[in-house]
Protein backbone atom coordinates (compact mmCIF):
# COMPACT_ATOMS: atom_id res chain seq x y z
CA MET A 1 -193.91 237.19 32.06
CA ILE A 2 -194.72 233.47 32.21
CA VAL A 3 -192.32 232.75 29.37
CA LEU A 4 -189.49 234.50 31.24
CA LYS A 5 -190.19 232.43 34.38
CA LEU A 6 -190.16 229.21 32.35
CA LEU A 7 -186.86 230.20 30.71
CA LEU A 8 -185.38 231.00 34.13
CA TYR A 9 -186.50 227.65 35.55
CA PHE A 10 -185.13 225.87 32.51
CA ALA A 11 -181.77 227.66 32.84
CA VAL A 12 -181.58 226.76 36.55
CA LEU A 13 -182.39 223.13 35.73
CA ILE A 14 -179.67 222.99 33.07
CA GLY A 15 -177.22 224.61 35.51
CA VAL A 16 -177.98 222.03 38.20
CA LEU A 17 -177.54 219.18 35.72
CA VAL A 18 -174.20 220.54 34.48
CA LEU A 19 -173.01 221.06 38.05
CA ALA A 20 -174.04 217.52 38.99
CA TYR A 21 -172.22 216.12 35.95
CA TYR A 22 -168.93 217.86 36.76
CA THR A 23 -169.21 217.05 40.47
CA THR A 24 -169.66 213.38 39.63
CA LYS A 25 -166.64 213.44 37.32
CA LEU A 26 -164.56 215.12 40.02
CA ILE A 27 -165.57 212.63 42.71
CA ALA A 28 -165.04 209.64 40.41
CA GLY A 29 -161.56 210.85 39.54
CA THR A 30 -160.42 211.14 43.16
CA ALA A 31 -162.30 208.24 44.75
CA GLY A 32 -161.09 204.70 45.10
CA PRO A 33 -157.75 203.13 45.93
CA ARG A 34 -154.87 203.39 43.52
CA GLN A 35 -153.88 200.12 41.89
CA SER A 36 -150.17 200.82 41.51
CA SER A 37 -147.34 203.04 42.60
CA ALA A 38 -143.61 203.16 42.03
CA ASN A 39 -142.92 200.16 44.30
CA ILE A 40 -146.28 198.37 44.54
CA GLN A 41 -148.35 197.07 41.64
CA VAL A 42 -151.50 194.91 41.75
CA LEU A 43 -151.08 192.29 39.04
CA GLU A 44 -154.33 190.36 39.52
CA LYS A 45 -157.41 190.44 41.73
CA VAL A 46 -160.02 187.70 42.17
CA THR A 47 -163.17 188.24 44.23
CA LEU A 48 -164.00 185.34 46.54
CA GLY A 49 -167.03 186.75 48.29
CA LYS A 50 -168.82 189.96 49.19
CA GLU A 51 -165.83 191.60 50.87
CA SER A 52 -162.96 189.15 50.38
CA TYR A 53 -160.57 188.59 47.54
CA LEU A 54 -157.13 187.36 46.55
CA LEU A 55 -154.46 189.65 45.18
CA ILE A 56 -151.25 188.95 43.37
CA ALA A 57 -149.05 191.98 43.90
CA ARG A 58 -145.51 192.95 42.99
CA VAL A 59 -143.86 194.71 45.92
CA GLN A 60 -140.53 196.07 44.74
CA GLU A 61 -139.01 192.91 43.18
CA ARG A 62 -141.03 190.33 45.15
CA ILE A 63 -144.32 188.80 44.04
CA VAL A 64 -146.78 187.94 46.81
CA LEU A 65 -150.21 186.34 47.08
CA LEU A 66 -152.38 188.27 49.55
CA GLY A 67 -155.72 187.39 51.12
CA VAL A 68 -157.91 190.42 51.82
CA THR A 69 -160.92 190.27 54.15
CA PRO A 70 -162.75 192.83 56.29
CA GLY A 71 -160.63 191.54 59.20
CA GLY A 72 -157.33 192.42 57.53
CA ILE A 73 -154.75 191.48 54.92
CA GLN A 74 -152.63 188.35 55.13
CA LYS A 75 -149.60 187.33 53.12
CA LEU A 76 -150.46 183.82 51.97
CA GLU A 77 -147.44 182.98 49.84
CA GLU A 78 -144.42 184.52 48.21
CA LEU A 79 -144.31 183.45 44.57
CA ASP A 80 -141.11 182.66 42.69
CA GLU A 81 -142.46 184.05 39.43
CA TYR A 82 -145.62 185.46 37.91
CA ILE A 83 -146.81 184.17 34.55
CA GLU A 84 -149.49 186.36 33.07
CA SER A 85 -152.49 184.31 32.01
CA SER A 86 -153.19 184.06 28.30
CA GLN A 87 -156.91 183.86 29.05
CA LYS A 88 -158.88 186.86 27.98
CA ALA A 89 -160.36 188.81 30.89
CA PRO A 90 -164.17 188.69 31.03
CA GLU A 91 -165.92 191.63 29.43
CA ASP A 92 -167.60 194.15 31.64
CA PHE A 93 -171.39 194.20 31.87
CA GLY A 94 -171.80 197.42 29.91
CA ARG A 95 -170.03 196.05 26.83
CA VAL A 96 -171.95 192.77 26.89
CA LEU A 97 -175.24 194.65 27.25
CA ALA A 98 -174.38 197.01 24.39
CA LYS A 99 -173.50 194.06 22.12
CA GLN A 100 -176.77 192.31 22.94
CA ILE A 101 -178.81 195.45 22.33
CA GLN A 102 -177.06 196.00 19.01
CA LYS A 103 -177.57 192.35 18.07
CA ASN A 104 -181.24 192.27 19.01
CA PHE A 105 -182.37 195.77 18.11
CA GLY A 106 -179.69 196.96 15.68
CA SER A 107 -181.70 196.68 12.51
CA LYS A 108 -185.32 195.97 11.68
CA SER A 109 -184.52 193.23 9.18
CA GLY A 110 -182.16 191.53 11.67
CA ARG A 111 -184.84 191.61 14.35
CA ASN A 112 -187.44 190.04 12.10
CA LYS A 113 -185.01 187.41 10.89
CA ASN A 114 -184.07 186.45 14.47
CA ARG A 115 -187.69 186.06 15.50
CA GLY A 116 -188.70 184.12 12.44
CA ASP A 117 -191.27 186.76 11.46
CA ARG A 118 -192.16 187.47 7.86
CA GLU A 119 -192.61 190.96 6.45
């Protein structure tokens, strides 16, 4: 009898976890603003502060520099052309963390070599 109760509780727990996973995927897929449409495309975004940033956007055939703050959106300048930067975009935190973990903890011999330890 106790074993059946434990199996039931375990099945309910697994069900809740699966439901939470799919709910999170569903919400993540529908949340957030879209970055482009047929006539509007965000080319670049630079954060200036907690809730303010600059956008370079292509609206139909025009390229505009926009300032976005909690108080509103302002057109700062209309640009003649947009030259995509050749600089590589910074890596996201997850990738940098994964590289560092792999570098530091990837292999036992690599870890000992990095620390100067002897086997």
